Structures are given as structure tokens and as C-alpha cells.
Protein backbone atom coordinates (compact mmCIF):
# COMPACT_ATOMS: atom_id res chain seq x y z
CA MET A 1 86.56 91.64 112.02
CA THR A 2 87.63 93.48 109.14
CA LEU A 3 90.44 96.23 108.72
CA TRP A 4 89.43 99.01 106.41
CA VAL A 5 92.45 101.49 105.02
CA ASN A 6 91.95 104.47 102.90
CA LEU A 7 94.19 103.92 99.73
CA SER A 8 94.94 107.54 97.63
CA ASP A 9 94.74 107.82 94.04
CA ARG A 10 99.34 107.92 94.61
CA GLU A 11 98.93 105.08 96.76
CA ILE A 12 97.20 102.74 94.63
CA ARG A 13 98.60 103.18 92.26
CA THR A 14 102.39 102.19 93.88
CA ALA A 15 104.16 99.34 92.26
CA THR A 16 104.70 97.82 95.49
CA LEU A 17 101.92 98.46 97.37
CA ALA A 18 100.15 94.88 97.26
CA LYS A 19 103.33 93.97 98.86
CA GLY A 20 103.78 96.69 101.46
CA ILE A 21 100.64 95.45 102.80
CA VAL A 22 100.91 92.21 102.45
CA ALA A 23 104.62 93.18 104.56
CA THR A 24 102.78 95.90 107.30
CA ALA A 25 99.64 93.20 108.21
CA ALA A 26 102.59 90.33 108.52
CA GLU A 27 104.76 92.62 111.14
CA SER A 28 101.38 93.44 112.80
CA GLY A 29 100.51 89.88 112.86
CA LEU A 30 96.50 90.39 110.95
CA GLU A 31 96.02 87.92 107.94
CA PRO A 32 95.42 90.45 104.67
CA SER A 33 92.09 88.32 104.28
CA ALA A 34 91.51 90.63 107.83
CA LEU A 35 92.42 94.29 106.00
CA ALA A 36 89.90 96.12 103.08
CA VAL A 37 91.56 98.99 101.29
CA GLU A 38 88.74 101.67 100.42
CA ILE A 39 89.42 104.02 97.32
CA THR A 40 87.80 107.53 96.65
CA ASP A 41 88.67 108.57 93.38
CA ILE A 42 87.66 106.70 90.59
CA ARG A 43 89.40 108.23 88.23
CA ALA A 44 92.85 106.83 89.69
CA VAL A 45 91.40 103.34 89.09
CA GLU A 46 90.38 104.20 85.26
CA GLU A 47 92.83 106.03 84.11
CA SER A 48 96.02 103.74 85.34
CA GLU A 49 97.38 100.35 84.55
CA SER A 50 98.85 100.00 87.68
CA ALA A 51 96.13 100.90 89.60
CA ALA A 52 93.71 98.30 87.97
CA GLU A 53 96.73 95.73 88.51
CA ASN A 54 97.20 96.58 92.44
CA ILE A 55 92.93 95.75 92.54
CA ARG A 56 94.23 92.91 90.90
CA ARG A 57 96.47 92.05 93.14
CA LEU A 58 94.94 92.74 96.23
CA LEU A 59 91.88 90.66 95.53
CA ASP A 60 94.27 87.68 94.69
CA LEU A 61 95.11 88.44 98.34
CA ARG A 62 91.11 87.46 99.42
CA ILE A 63 92.00 91.79 100.28
CA GLU A 64 88.63 93.45 100.16
CA VAL A 65 88.41 96.34 97.94
CA ALA A 66 85.48 99.31 97.70
CA ILE A 67 85.37 101.73 95.53
CA TYR A 68 83.38 105.37 96.46
CA ASP A 69 83.30 108.18 94.56
CA PHE A 70 81.35 110.76 96.69
CA GLY A 71 81.08 114.14 95.80
CA THR A 72 82.24 114.59 92.89
CA GLY A 73 78.46 114.31 90.60
CA HIS A 74 79.42 111.14 88.94
């Protein structure tokens, strides 16, 4: 089973995002690979190198990443 978590545009830009997710997963007894994150604003990724770097870090940890951009006309 995979636990999905929604991330805000501010959270995806946070420098310590991957480290915080790993720590929270460990405290909860979950493997990071049992997690998946959903980003609901594509602009947060397109306009931010820190967001792109966070996505790379999450993928390196085998955390699934989904980007949805509903309702924006794109």
C-alpha cells in the first residue's frame, strides 16, 4: 500500500523537504518507498530550481511523485 501526501507549492520549495519526509517516515515506521507525494501546482516546479531538486531527491529515495494541475486551463 502507498500513502499519498499532498504538497503545497511552498512545501515543495523547502530546502529540507526530503530530509523531513525521511525523518517523519522513520518516526512512523514507514519506509520512504511506501510514500508518494502529489504536487498540485506545476508552476511551483517550473519556476523553482529548489523544487526541481527536491523532486530529484524524492525520486532518489524511491518516493513516487505526481504533478497535477487541475483547473488552471493548462
